[in-house]
Amino acid sequence: MQQIRRRAGLATAALLASAPALVSAPTPALAQSPPAPNQAPNQAPGWFRFRVGSFTVTTISDGFARRNIEGLVLNAPPEAVREVLAQSFLPTDHYIGPYNVTFVDTGRLLIAFDAGTGGQLTPTAGRLGANMAAAGLDPARVGLVIVTHCHQDHIHGLLTAEGQAAFPNAEIAISAEEFAWWGDAGNESRSPQGQRVNFANVARRFAPYQGRIRRFAAGAEVSPGITSVPAFGHSPGHTVFRVSDGAEQFLVLADITHRPELFARRPDYVSLFDFDGAAAAAARRRVLDMAATDRIRVTGYHFPFPATGHLVRDGEGYRFHRADWS
């Protein structure tokens, strides 16, 4: 609206300049624009849709988190991290980590990959419910939630703020390795200090789904057209997924890389969030190389919205090309 007003103001000024005999001076009403209206704090509803074969895929933004750059990468100094971020025109005084959930509608089943933050981690996240509504997706229609791994930002959204199942009719599928690790309190002392909160959190978030939790083996088909690809390292059972229908396919990358402008450009960077840094970096290179070599479309949980596109090799790493907004 403000842009339209500016254009109207310019047109008025041109008219006045060309017709001085008609108007000797602009009136106050013409000379001054009204004050700008209050602007909403959020972007437009964040959802994006594309097709893979007969499947309909929707990426939904759950918001973002703002983090310090210091300590984000464990094997590189902050100055080097800032340099890589600057190359992609990203801020260098802080780090923005987006959150995105991928939904696949196969025609017979609506599937969610992870559950978002549930609005319980940071004020700038928790937009999944509103954006699902804008996209026409009802949580009650979700029949399967595939959990890529058990970090808080991926499973907090399994529960509502009142502690009820956010996806009341859904089955939960999770890799056997991931569920076994976080389900055994004896592993707590062998886990990174910052991730020990996951043990109690997993028990709480999965509780309303008891009797509906299915554990799958590495490489198993989780649902028709959806095959698990083990990518352990970021967490003990972190898994990415190949989704295919007919001759078309895409990869749900989960956290194989956090923001790609940093961690795909420098695949050997070890993130603060990686459970086993060396294993995570090896899995990252393997999966990113597969996506780039085979030119497979991807979605990424921490990718810039719309969180889908392609990866190409670029020097020592990979560059992400976002999908065309059309």
C-alpha atoms as a PDB file:
ATOM      1  CA  MET A   1       0.000   0.000   0.000  1.00  0.00           C
ATOM      2  CA  GLN A   2       2.839   2.380   0.848  1.00  0.00           C
ATOM      3  CA  GLN A   3       4.386   1.686  -2.588  1.00  0.00           C
ATOM      4  CA  ILE A   4       1.084   2.560  -4.254  1.00  0.00           C
ATOM      5  CA  ARG A   5       0.932   5.810  -2.275  1.00  0.00           C
ATOM      6  CA  ARG A   6       4.457   6.740  -3.295  1.00  0.00           C
ATOM      7  CA  ARG A   7       3.584   6.161  -6.938  1.00  0.00           C
ATOM      8  CA  ALA A   8       0.454   8.261  -6.546  1.00  0.00           C
ATOM      9  CA  GLY A   9       2.540  11.026  -4.985  1.00  0.00           C
ATOM     10  CA  LEU A  10       4.967  11.000  -7.884  1.00  0.00           C
ATOM     11  CA  ALA A  11       2.148  11.121 -10.404  1.00  0.00           C
ATOM     12  CA  THR A  12       0.581  14.056  -8.557  1.00  0.00           C
ATOM     13  CA  ALA A  13       3.877  15.946  -8.506  1.00  0.00           C
ATOM     14  CA  ALA A  14       4.308  15.428 -12.250  1.00  0.00           C
ATOM     15  CA  LEU A  15       0.807  16.699 -12.897  1.00  0.00           C
ATOM     16  CA  LEU A  16       1.378  19.806 -10.810  1.00  0.00           C
ATOM     17  CA  ALA A  17       4.685  20.592 -12.520  1.00  0.00           C
ATOM     18  CA  SER A  18       3.158  20.315 -15.987  1.00  0.00           C
ATOM     19  CA  ALA A  19       0.043  22.380 -15.230  1.00  0.00           C
ATOM     20  CA  PRO A  20       1.051  25.429 -13.139  1.00  0.00           C
ATOM     21  CA  ALA A  21      -1.891  27.431 -14.497  1.00  0.00           C
ATOM     22  CA  LEU A  22      -4.301  24.937 -13.019  1.00  0.00           C
ATOM     23  CA  VAL A  23      -2.730  24.633  -9.569  1.00  0.00           C
ATOM     24  CA  SER A  24      -0.379  27.238  -8.175  1.00  0.00           C
ATOM     25  CA  ALA A  25       0.839  25.188  -5.165  1.00  0.00           C
ATOM     26  CA  PRO A  26       0.194  21.727  -3.768  1.00  0.00           C
ATOM     27  CA  THR A  27      -2.312  21.567  -0.967  1.00  0.00           C
ATOM     28  CA  PRO A  28      -1.183  20.029   2.335  1.00  0.00           C
ATOM     29  CA  ALA A  29      -3.267  16.945   1.589  1.00  0.00           C
ATOM     30  CA  LEU A  30      -1.351  16.361  -1.646  1.00  0.00           C
ATOM     31  CA  ALA A  31       2.068  17.359  -0.347  1.00  0.00           C
ATOM     32  CA  GLN A  32       2.150  14.960   2.613  1.00  0.00           C
ATOM     33  CA  SER A  33       1.715  11.213   2.696  1.00  0.00           C
ATOM     34  CA  PRO A  34      -0.133   9.642   5.622  1.00  0.00           C
ATOM     35  CA  PRO A  35       2.031   7.831   8.184  1.00  0.00           C
ATOM     36  CA  ALA A  36       2.994   4.258   7.385  1.00  0.00           C
ATOM     37  CA  PRO A  37       0.697   1.695   8.988  1.00  0.00           C
ATOM     38  CA  ASN A  38       2.055  -0.624  11.668  1.00  0.00           C
ATOM     39  CA  GLN A  39       3.837  -3.553  10.093  1.00  0.00           C
ATOM     40  CA  ALA A  40       3.273  -7.139  11.157  1.00  0.00           C
ATOM     41  CA  PRO A  41       6.330  -8.699  12.809  1.00  0.00           C
ATOM     42  CA  ASN A  42       6.247 -11.873  10.682  1.00  0.00           C
ATOM     43  CA  GLN A  43       6.548 -12.634   6.989  1.00  0.00           C
ATOM     44  CA  ALA A  44       3.630 -13.857   4.917  1.00  0.00           C
ATOM     45  CA  PRO A  45       2.465 -17.405   5.734  1.00  0.00           C
ATOM     46  CA  GLY A  46       5.399 -19.688   4.962  1.00  0.00           C
ATOM     47  CA  TRP A  47       4.404 -22.656   2.881  1.00  0.00           C
ATOM     48  CA  PHE A  48       5.587 -23.912  -0.500  1.00  0.00           C
ATOM     49  CA  ARG A  49       4.231 -26.768  -2.592  1.00  0.00           C
ATOM     50  CA  PHE A  50       5.578 -28.959  -5.377  1.00  0.00           C
ATOM     51  CA  ARG A  51       4.967 -32.412  -6.789  1.00  0.00           C
ATOM     52  CA  VAL A  52       7.079 -35.538  -6.982  1.00  0.00           C
ATOM     53  CA  GLY A  53       5.312 -37.989  -9.237  1.00  0.00           C
ATOM     54  CA  SER A  54       1.775 -38.210  -7.852  1.00  0.00           C
ATOM     55  CA  PHE A  55       2.921 -37.102  -4.369  1.00  0.00           C
ATOM     56  CA  THR A  56       2.232 -33.547  -3.196  1.00  0.00           C
ATOM     57  CA  VAL A  57       5.066 -32.108  -1.111  1.00  0.00           C
ATOM     58  CA  THR A  58       4.642 -29.060   1.113  1.00  0.00           C
ATOM     59  CA  THR A  59       7.397 -27.353   3.057  1.00  0.00           C
ATOM     60  CA  ILE A  60       6.183 -25.348   6.047  1.00  0.00           C
ATOM     61  CA  SER A  61       8.194 -22.743   7.952  1.00  0.00           C
ATOM     62  CA  ASP A  62       8.160 -23.055  11.734  1.00  0.00           C
ATOM     63  CA  GLY A  63      10.176 -19.845  12.185  1.00  0.00           C
ATOM     64  CA  PHE A  64      13.815 -19.505  13.165  1.00  0.00           C
ATOM     65  CA  ALA A  65      16.312 -19.155  16.001  1.00  0.00           C
ATOM     66  CA  ARG A  66      18.973 -16.502  16.410  1.00  0.00           C
ATOM     67  CA  ARG A  67      22.300 -17.760  17.781  1.00  0.00           C
ATOM     68  CA  ASN A  68      25.779 -16.524  18.601  1.00  0.00           C
ATOM     69  CA  ILE A  69      28.456 -17.277  16.039  1.00  0.00           C
ATOM     70  CA  GLU A  70      31.033 -17.914  18.755  1.00  0.00           C
ATOM     71  CA  GLY A  71      30.991 -21.624  19.562  1.00  0.00           C
ATOM     72  CA  LEU A  72      28.744 -22.561  16.640  1.00  0.00           C
ATOM     73  CA  VAL A  73      31.537 -24.364  14.761  1.00  0.00           C
ATOM     74  CA  LEU A  74      33.867 -26.422  16.913  1.00  0.00           C
ATOM     75  CA  ASN A  75      36.761 -26.834  14.490  1.00  0.00           C
ATOM     76  CA  ALA A  76      37.014 -23.351  12.962  1.00  0.00           C
ATOM     77  CA  PRO A  77      37.533 -19.893  14.486  1.00  0.00           C
ATOM     78  CA  PRO A  78      34.630 -17.407  14.461  1.00  0.00           C
ATOM     79  CA  GLU A  79      36.520 -15.210  11.980  1.00  0.00           C
ATOM     80  CA  ALA A  80      36.526 -18.016   9.410  1.00  0.00           C
ATOM     81  CA  VAL A  81      32.833 -18.699  10.012  1.00  0.00           C
ATOM     82  CA  ARG A  82      31.993 -15.020   9.503  1.00  0.00           C
ATOM     83  CA  GLU A  83      33.936 -14.981   6.244  1.00  0.00           C
ATOM     84  CA  VAL A  84      31.929 -17.896   4.845  1.00  0.00           C
ATOM     85  CA  LEU A  85      28.639 -16.318   5.950  1.00  0.00           C
ATOM     86  CA  ALA A  86      29.606 -13.009   4.357  1.00  0.00           C
ATOM     87  CA  GLN A  87      30.199 -14.744   1.032  1.00  0.00           C
ATOM     88  CA  SER A  88      26.469 -15.557   0.986  1.00  0.00           C
ATOM     89  CA  PHE A  89      25.472 -12.055   2.150  1.00  0.00           C
ATOM     90  CA  LEU A  90      24.352 -13.346   5.550  1.00  0.00           C
ATOM     91  CA  PRO A  91      24.786 -11.446   8.817  1.00  0.00           C
ATOM     92  CA  THR A  92      28.156 -11.842  10.486  1.00  0.00           C
ATOM     93  CA  ASP A  93      27.207 -10.635  13.971  1.00  0.00           C
ATOM     94  CA  HIS A  94      24.723 -13.459  14.568  1.00  0.00           C
ATOM     95  CA  TYR A  95      23.518 -16.714  13.014  1.00  0.00           C
ATOM     96  CA  ILE A  96      19.942 -17.387  11.883  1.00  0.00           C
ATOM     97  CA  GLY A  97      18.869 -21.024  11.922  1.00  0.00           C
ATOM     98  CA  PRO A  98      15.556 -21.621  10.097  1.00  0.00           C
ATOM     99  CA  TYR A  99      13.127 -24.394  11.025  1.00  0.00           C
ATOM    100  CA  ASN A 100      11.108 -26.147   8.290  1.00  0.00           C
ATOM    101  CA  VAL A 101       8.902 -29.228   8.303  1.00  0.00           C
ATOM    102  CA  THR A 102       8.339 -31.269   5.134  1.00  0.00           C
ATOM    103  CA  PHE A 103       4.932 -32.870   4.508  1.00  0.00           C
ATOM    104  CA  VAL A 104       4.234 -35.508   1.856  1.00  0.00           C
ATOM    105  CA  ASP A 105       0.695 -36.332   0.799  1.00  0.00           C
ATOM    106  CA  THR A 106       0.779 -39.640  -1.043  1.00  0.00           C
ATOM    107  CA  GLY A 107      -2.933 -39.572  -1.816  1.00  0.00           C
ATOM    108  CA  ARG A 108      -3.686 -42.125   0.849  1.00  0.00           C
ATOM    109  CA  LEU A 109      -1.559 -40.840   3.719  1.00  0.00           C
ATOM    110  CA  LEU A 110      -0.358 -37.439   4.930  1.00  0.00           C
ATOM    111  CA  ILE A 111       3.164 -37.743   6.321  1.00  0.00           C
ATOM    112  CA  ALA A 112       5.171 -35.230   8.338  1.00  0.00           C
ATOM    113  CA  PHE A 113       8.941 -35.372   8.610  1.00  0.00           C
ATOM    114  CA  ASP A 114       9.568 -34.191  12.186  1.00  0.00           C
ATOM    115  CA  ALA A 115       7.216 -32.073  14.264  1.00  0.00           C
ATOM    116  CA  GLY A 116       8.759 -28.644  14.675  1.00  0.00           C
ATOM    117  CA  THR A 117       9.464 -26.725  17.849  1.00  0.00           C
ATOM    118  CA  GLY A 118       5.945 -26.528  19.198  1.00  0.00           C
ATOM    119  CA  GLY A 119       6.567 -22.867  19.996  1.00  0.00           C
ATOM    120  CA  GLN A 120       8.423 -24.022  23.095  1.00  0.00           C
ATOM    121  CA  LEU A 121      12.034 -23.112  22.296  1.00  0.00           C
ATOM    122  CA  THR A 122      12.258 -19.492  21.157  1.00  0.00           C
ATOM    123  CA  PRO A 123       9.774 -16.654  20.530  1.00  0.00           C
ATOM    124  CA  THR A 124      10.744 -16.522  16.857  1.00  0.00           C
ATOM    125  CA  ALA A 125       9.628 -20.125  16.238  1.00  0.00           C
ATOM    126  CA  GLY A 126       6.392 -22.004  16.706  1.00  0.00           C
ATOM    127  CA  ARG A 127       4.672 -20.920  13.489  1.00  0.00           C
ATOM    128  CA  LEU A 128       4.017 -24.431  12.195  1.00  0.00           C
ATOM    129  CA  GLY A 129       0.353 -24.586  13.249  1.00  0.00           C
ATOM    130  CA  ALA A 130      -0.596 -21.247  11.707  1.00  0.00           C
ATOM    131  CA  ASN A 131       1.303 -21.970   8.513  1.00  0.00           C
ATOM    132  CA  MET A 132      -0.219 -25.439   8.244  1.00  0.00           C
ATOM    133  CA  ALA A 133      -3.654 -23.852   8.476  1.00  0.00           C
ATOM    134  CA  ALA A 134      -2.719 -21.352   5.758  1.00  0.00           C
ATOM    135  CA  ALA A 135      -1.599 -24.273   3.569  1.00  0.00           C
ATOM    136  CA  GLY A 136      -4.795 -26.231   4.214  1.00  0.00           C
ATOM    137  CA  LEU A 137      -3.117 -28.972   6.263  1.00  0.00           C
ATOM    138  CA  ASP A 138      -4.907 -30.267   9.365  1.00  0.00           C
ATOM    139  CA  PRO A 139      -2.756 -31.923  12.083  1.00  0.00           C
ATOM    140  CA  ALA A 140      -5.574 -34.403  12.624  1.00  0.00           C
ATOM    141  CA  ARG A 141      -5.111 -35.617   9.037  1.00  0.00           C
ATOM    142  CA  VAL A 142      -1.452 -36.527   9.589  1.00  0.00           C
ATOM    143  CA  GLY A 143      -1.283 -40.298   9.732  1.00  0.00           C
ATOM    144  CA  LEU A 144       2.478 -40.713  10.112  1.00  0.00           C
ATOM    145  CA  VAL A 145       5.204 -38.586  11.669  1.00  0.00           C
ATOM    146  CA  ILE A 146       8.669 -39.750  10.638  1.00  0.00           C
ATOM    147  CA  VAL A 147      11.202 -38.547  13.202  1.00  0.00           C
ATOM    148  CA  THR A 148      14.606 -37.973  11.630  1.00  0.00           C
ATOM    149  CA  HIS A 149      16.283 -37.669  15.050  1.00  0.00           C
ATOM    150  CA  CYS A 150      15.455 -36.668  18.601  1.00  0.00           C
ATOM    151  CA  HIS A 151      16.912 -33.179  19.020  1.00  0.00           C
ATOM    152  CA  GLN A 152      14.531 -30.803  20.756  1.00  0.00           C
ATOM    153  CA  ASP A 153      13.820 -28.585  17.752  1.00  0.00           C
ATOM    154  CA  HIS A 154      12.560 -31.633  15.845  1.00  0.00           C
ATOM    155  CA  ILE A 155      10.329 -33.302  18.453  1.00  0.00           C
ATOM    156  CA  HIS A 156       9.083 -30.553  20.790  1.00  0.00           C
ATOM    157  CA  GLY A 157       6.163 -30.117  18.398  1.00  0.00           C
ATOM    158  CA  LEU A 158       4.922 -33.643  19.060  1.00  0.00           C
ATOM    159  CA  LEU A 159       3.099 -32.111  22.036  1.00  0.00           C
ATOM    160  CA  THR A 160       0.827 -29.114  22.308  1.00  0.00           C
ATOM    161  CA  ALA A 161       1.518 -26.489  24.962  1.00  0.00           C
ATOM    162  CA  GLU A 162      -1.026 -28.360  27.100  1.00  0.00           C
ATOM    163  CA  GLY A 163       0.911 -31.625  26.807  1.00  0.00           C
ATOM    164  CA  GLN A 164      -1.456 -33.383  24.419  1.00  0.00           C
ATOM    165  CA  ALA A 165      -0.531 -35.165  21.195  1.00  0.00           C
ATOM    166  CA  ALA A 166      -0.253 -32.480  18.507  1.00  0.00           C
ATOM    167  CA  PHE A 167      -0.926 -35.108  15.819  1.00  0.00           C
ATOM    168  CA  PRO A 168      -3.697 -37.100  17.509  1.00  0.00           C
ATOM    169  CA  ASN A 169      -4.159 -39.702  14.784  1.00  0.00           C
ATOM    170  CA  ALA A 170      -0.539 -40.243  13.816  1.00  0.00           C
ATOM    171  CA  GLU A 171       1.777 -43.172  14.123  1.00  0.00           C
ATOM    172  CA  ILE A 172       5.416 -42.310  14.926  1.00  0.00           C
ATOM    173  CA  ALA A 173       8.246 -43.934  12.944  1.00  0.00           C
ATOM    174  CA  ILE A 174      11.847 -43.584  14.094  1.00  0.00           C
ATOM    175  CA  SER A 175      15.104 -45.428  13.465  1.00  0.00           C
ATOM    176  CA  ALA A 176      15.775 -48.257  15.898  1.00  0.00           C
ATOM    177  CA  GLU A 177      19.251 -46.868  16.651  1.00  0.00           C
ATOM    178  CA  GLU A 178      17.965 -43.395  17.500  1.00  0.00           C
ATOM    179  CA  PHE A 179      15.153 -44.603  19.723  1.00  0.00           C
ATOM    180  CA  ALA A 180      17.349 -47.117  21.521  1.00  0.00           C
ATOM    181  CA  TRP A 181      20.044 -44.564  22.370  1.00  0.00           C
ATOM    182  CA  TRP A 182      17.810 -41.895  23.861  1.00  0.00           C
ATOM    183  CA  GLY A 183      15.583 -44.489  25.509  1.00  0.00           C
ATOM    184  CA  ASP A 184      18.442 -45.899  27.596  1.00  0.00           C
ATOM    185  CA  ALA A 185      19.365 -43.691  30.556  1.00  0.00           C
ATOM    186  CA  GLY A 186      22.648 -45.571  30.792  1.00  0.00           C
ATOM    187  CA  ASN A 187      23.814 -43.684  27.694  1.00  0.00           C
ATOM    188  CA  GLU A 188      23.435 -40.290  29.324  1.00  0.00           C
ATOM    189  CA  SER A 189      26.990 -40.141  30.690  1.00  0.00           C
ATOM    190  CA  ARG A 190      28.300 -41.093  27.213  1.00  0.00           C
ATOM    191  CA  SER A 191      26.476 -38.261  25.476  1.00  0.00           C
ATOM    192  CA  PRO A 192      27.678 -34.676  24.957  1.00  0.00           C
ATOM    193  CA  GLN A 193      26.810 -32.519  27.940  1.00  0.00           C
ATOM    194  CA  GLY A 194      24.535 -30.244  25.939  1.00  0.00           C
ATOM    195  CA  GLN A 195      22.486 -33.157  24.612  1.00  0.00           C
ATOM    196  CA  ARG A 196      21.756 -34.961  27.853  1.00  0.00           C
ATOM    197  CA  VAL A 197      18.460 -33.125  28.170  1.00  0.00           C
ATOM    198  CA  ASN A 198      17.243 -35.285  25.271  1.00  0.00           C
ATOM    199  CA  PHE A 199      16.802 -38.361  27.486  1.00  0.00           C
ATOM    200  CA  ALA A 200      14.015 -36.902  29.630  1.00  0.00           C
ATOM    201  CA  ASN A 201      12.622 -34.961  26.684  1.00  0.00           C
ATOM    202  CA  VAL A 202      12.241 -38.040  24.477  1.00  0.00           C
ATOM    203  CA  ALA A 203      10.336 -39.863  27.211  1.00  0.00           C
ATOM    204  CA  ARG A 204       7.973 -36.929  27.634  1.00  0.00           C
ATOM    205  CA  ARG A 205       7.381 -36.141  23.960  1.00  0.00           C
ATOM    206  CA  PHE A 206       6.708 -39.730  22.924  1.00  0.00           C
ATOM    207  CA  ALA A 207       4.503 -40.628  25.909  1.00  0.00           C
ATOM    208  CA  PRO A 208       1.111 -39.782  24.323  1.00  0.00           C
ATOM    209  CA  TYR A 209       1.997 -41.940  21.325  1.00  0.00           C
ATOM    210  CA  GLN A 210       2.683 -45.156  23.240  1.00  0.00           C
ATOM    211  CA  GLY A 211       1.385 -48.100  21.238  1.00  0.00           C
ATOM    212  CA  ARG A 212       1.836 -46.121  18.025  1.00  0.00           C
ATOM    213  CA  ILE A 213       5.654 -45.994  17.863  1.00  0.00           C
ATOM    214  CA  ARG A 214       7.283 -48.033  15.119  1.00  0.00           C
ATOM    215  CA  ARG A 215      11.048 -48.546  14.966  1.00  0.00           C
ATOM    216  CA  PHE A 216      12.610 -49.239  11.593  1.00  0.00           C
ATOM    217  CA  ALA A 217      15.966 -50.690  10.578  1.00  0.00           C
ATOM    218  CA  ALA A 218      18.563 -48.714   8.645  1.00  0.00           C
ATOM    219  CA  GLY A 219      17.753 -48.757   4.933  1.00  0.00           C
ATOM    220  CA  ALA A 220      14.173 -49.943   5.448  1.00  0.00           C
ATOM    221  CA  GLU A 221      11.164 -48.716   3.519  1.00  0.00           C
ATOM    222  CA  VAL A 222       9.199 -46.757   6.110  1.00  0.00           C
ATOM    223  CA  SER A 223       6.122 -46.221   3.955  1.00  0.00           C
ATOM    224  CA  PRO A 224       5.499 -46.993   0.272  1.00  0.00           C
ATOM    225  CA  GLY A 225       7.856 -44.758  -1.697  1.00  0.00           C
ATOM    226  CA  ILE A 226       9.812 -43.610   1.378  1.00  0.00           C
ATOM    227  CA  THR A 227      13.150 -45.292   2.127  1.00  0.00           C
ATOM    228  CA  SER A 228      15.412 -44.534   5.064  1.00  0.00           C
ATOM    229  CA  VAL A 229      19.060 -43.659   4.399  1.00  0.00           C
ATOM    230  CA  PRO A 230      21.236 -43.966   7.526  1.00  0.00           C
ATOM    231  CA  ALA A 231      23.327 -40.858   8.133  1.00  0.00           C
ATOM    232  CA  PHE A 232      24.491 -41.339  11.706  1.00  0.00           C
ATOM    233  CA  GLY A 233      26.715 -38.751  13.366  1.00  0.00           C
ATOM    234  CA  HIS A 234      24.628 -35.663  13.945  1.00  0.00           C
ATOM    235  CA  SER A 235      22.809 -37.951  16.347  1.00  0.00           C
ATOM    236  CA  PRO A 236      23.270 -41.681  17.068  1.00  0.00           C
ATOM    237  CA  GLY A 237      20.537 -42.690  14.616  1.00  0.00           C
ATOM    238  CA  HIS A 238      20.118 -39.588  12.448  1.00  0.00           C
ATOM    239  CA  THR A 239      18.387 -40.573   9.209  1.00  0.00           C
ATOM    240  CA  VAL A 240      17.650 -38.920   5.880  1.00  0.00           C
ATOM    241  CA  PHE A 241      14.972 -40.195   3.500  1.00  0.00           C
ATOM    242  CA  ARG A 242      14.584 -40.845  -0.195  1.00  0.00           C
ATOM    243  CA  VAL A 243      11.021 -40.135  -1.355  1.00  0.00           C
ATOM    244  CA  SER A 244      10.160 -41.473  -4.803  1.00  0.00           C
ATOM    245  CA  ASP A 245       7.136 -42.009  -6.977  1.00  0.00           C
ATOM    246  CA  GLY A 246       7.534 -43.331 -10.481  1.00  0.00           C
ATOM    247  CA  ALA A 247      10.665 -41.835 -12.047  1.00  0.00           C
ATOM    248  CA  GLU A 248      10.747 -38.807  -9.718  1.00  0.00           C
ATOM    249  CA  GLN A 249      12.393 -38.485  -6.310  1.00  0.00           C
ATOM    250  CA  PHE A 250      13.718 -36.109  -3.686  1.00  0.00           C
ATOM    251  CA  LEU A 251      15.709 -36.330  -0.467  1.00  0.00           C
ATOM    252  CA  VAL A 252      14.608 -35.188   2.975  1.00  0.00           C
ATOM    253  CA  LEU A 253      18.001 -34.149   4.351  1.00  0.00           C
ATOM    254  CA  ALA A 254      16.918 -33.460   7.940  1.00  0.00           C
ATOM    255  CA  ASP A 255      20.089 -32.165   9.673  1.00  0.00           C
ATOM    256  CA  ILE A 256      22.707 -33.656   7.366  1.00  0.00           C
ATOM    257  CA  THR A 257      23.723 -30.020   7.170  1.00  0.00           C
ATOM    258  CA  HIS A 258      22.540 -27.080   9.193  1.00  0.00           C
ATOM    259  CA  ARG A 259      22.289 -23.864   7.187  1.00  0.00           C
ATOM    260  CA  PRO A 260      23.793 -24.826   3.777  1.00  0.00           C
ATOM    261  CA  GLU A 261      25.454 -21.455   3.142  1.00  0.00           C
ATOM    262  CA  LEU A 262      27.817 -22.452   5.948  1.00  0.00           C
ATOM    263  CA  PHE A 263      27.869 -26.199   6.463  1.00  0.00           C
ATOM    264  CA  ALA A 264      27.420 -27.308   2.844  1.00  0.00           C
ATOM    265  CA  ARG A 265      30.052 -24.800   1.721  1.00  0.00           C
ATOM    266  CA  ARG A 266      32.363 -26.244   4.410  1.00  0.00           C
ATOM    267  CA  PRO A 267      31.229 -29.871   4.863  1.00  0.00           C
ATOM    268  CA  ASP A 268      34.034 -30.669   7.307  1.00  0.00           C
ATOM    269  CA  TYR A 269      32.866 -28.060   9.803  1.00  0.00           C
ATOM    270  CA  VAL A 270      31.721 -29.718  13.015  1.00  0.00           C
ATOM    271  CA  SER A 271      28.601 -28.135  14.438  1.00  0.00           C
ATOM    272  CA  LEU A 272      27.908 -27.491  18.081  1.00  0.00           C
ATOM    273  CA  PHE A 273      24.879 -29.732  17.581  1.00  0.00           C
ATOM    274  CA  ASP A 274      26.740 -32.778  16.198  1.00  0.00           C
ATOM    275  CA  PHE A 275      26.794 -35.823  18.470  1.00  0.00           C
ATOM    276  CA  ASP A 276      29.874 -37.325  16.775  1.00  0.00           C
ATOM    277  CA  GLY A 277      31.613 -34.648  14.714  1.00  0.00           C
ATOM    278  CA  ALA A 278      33.784 -36.933  12.589  1.00  0.00           C
ATOM    279  CA  ALA A 279      30.895 -39.281  11.754  1.00  0.00           C
ATOM    280  CA  ALA A 280      28.590 -36.321  11.034  1.00  0.00           C
ATOM    281  CA  ALA A 281      31.101 -34.770   8.615  1.00  0.00           C
ATOM    282  CA  ALA A 282      31.604 -38.090   6.819  1.00  0.00           C
ATOM    283  CA  ALA A 283      27.842 -38.626   6.471  1.00  0.00           C
ATOM    284  CA  ARG A 284      27.448 -35.036   5.288  1.00  0.00           C
ATOM    285  CA  ARG A 285      29.957 -35.442   2.487  1.00  0.00           C
ATOM    286  CA  ARG A 286      28.477 -38.773   1.425  1.00  0.00           C
ATOM    287  CA  VAL A 287      24.877 -37.535   1.274  1.00  0.00           C
ATOM    288  CA  LEU A 288      25.656 -34.145  -0.280  1.00  0.00           C
ATOM    289  CA  ASP A 289      27.778 -35.854  -2.921  1.00  0.00           C
ATOM    290  CA  MET A 290      24.907 -38.214  -3.730  1.00  0.00           C
ATOM    291  CA  ALA A 291      22.464 -35.303  -4.042  1.00  0.00           C
ATOM    292  CA  ALA A 292      24.823 -33.306  -6.254  1.00  0.00           C
ATOM    293  CA  THR A 293      25.969 -36.209  -8.439  1.00  0.00           C
ATOM    294  CA  ASP A 294      22.470 -37.542  -9.066  1.00  0.00           C
ATOM    295  CA  ARG A 295      20.936 -34.034  -9.281  1.00  0.00           C
ATOM    296  CA  ILE A 296      18.285 -34.978  -6.731  1.00  0.00           C
ATOM    297  CA  ARG A 297      16.014 -32.310  -5.360  1.00  0.00           C
ATOM    298  CA  VAL A 298      16.300 -31.871  -1.587  1.00  0.00           C
ATOM    299  CA  THR A 299      14.480 -30.374   1.358  1.00  0.00           C
ATOM    300  CA  GLY A 300      16.363 -29.307   4.483  1.00  0.00           C
ATOM    301  CA  TYR A 301      15.096 -28.674   7.991  1.00  0.00           C
ATOM    302  CA  HIS A 302      17.448 -25.728   8.514  1.00  0.00           C
ATOM    303  CA  PHE A 303      17.555 -24.493   4.918  1.00  0.00           C
ATOM    304  CA  PRO A 304      16.431 -20.981   3.952  1.00  0.00           C
ATOM    305  CA  PHE A 305      12.777 -20.986   3.001  1.00  0.00           C
ATOM    306  CA  PRO A 306      11.243 -22.479   0.899  1.00  0.00           C
ATOM    307  CA  ALA A 307      13.791 -25.046   2.080  1.00  0.00           C
ATOM    308  CA  THR A 308      13.950 -26.960  -1.194  1.00  0.00           C
ATOM    309  CA  GLY A 309      16.176 -26.920  -4.259  1.00  0.00           C
ATOM    310  CA  HIS A 310      19.375 -28.549  -5.499  1.00  0.00           C
ATOM    311  CA  LEU A 311      22.992 -28.838  -4.409  1.00  0.00           C
ATOM    312  CA  VAL A 312      25.937 -28.505  -6.776  1.00  0.00           C
ATOM    313  CA  ARG A 313      29.640 -28.996  -6.180  1.00  0.00           C
ATOM    314  CA  ASP A 314      31.544 -25.771  -5.633  1.00  0.00           C
ATOM    315  CA  GLY A 315      35.238 -25.874  -4.748  1.00  0.00           C
ATOM    316  CA  GLU A 316      35.790 -27.777  -1.523  1.00  0.00           C
ATOM    317  CA  GLY A 317      32.088 -27.987  -0.775  1.00  0.00           C
ATOM    318  CA  TYR A 318      28.629 -27.543  -2.226  1.00  0.00           C
ATOM    319  CA  ARG A 319      26.359 -24.646  -3.053  1.00  0.00           C
ATOM    320  CA  PHE A 320      22.605 -24.671  -2.542  1.00  0.00           C
ATOM    321  CA  HIS A 321      20.324 -23.371  -5.292  1.00  0.00           C
ATOM    322  CA  ARG A 322      16.860 -22.637  -3.994  1.00  0.00           C
ATOM    323  CA  ALA A 323      13.853 -23.761  -6.002  1.00  0.00           C
ATOM    324  CA  ASP A 324      12.162 -21.259  -8.258  1.00  0.00           C
ATOM    325  CA  TRP A 325       9.155 -19.629  -6.584  1.00  0.00           C
ATOM    326  CA  SER A 326       6.499 -20.446  -9.148  1.00  0.00           C
END
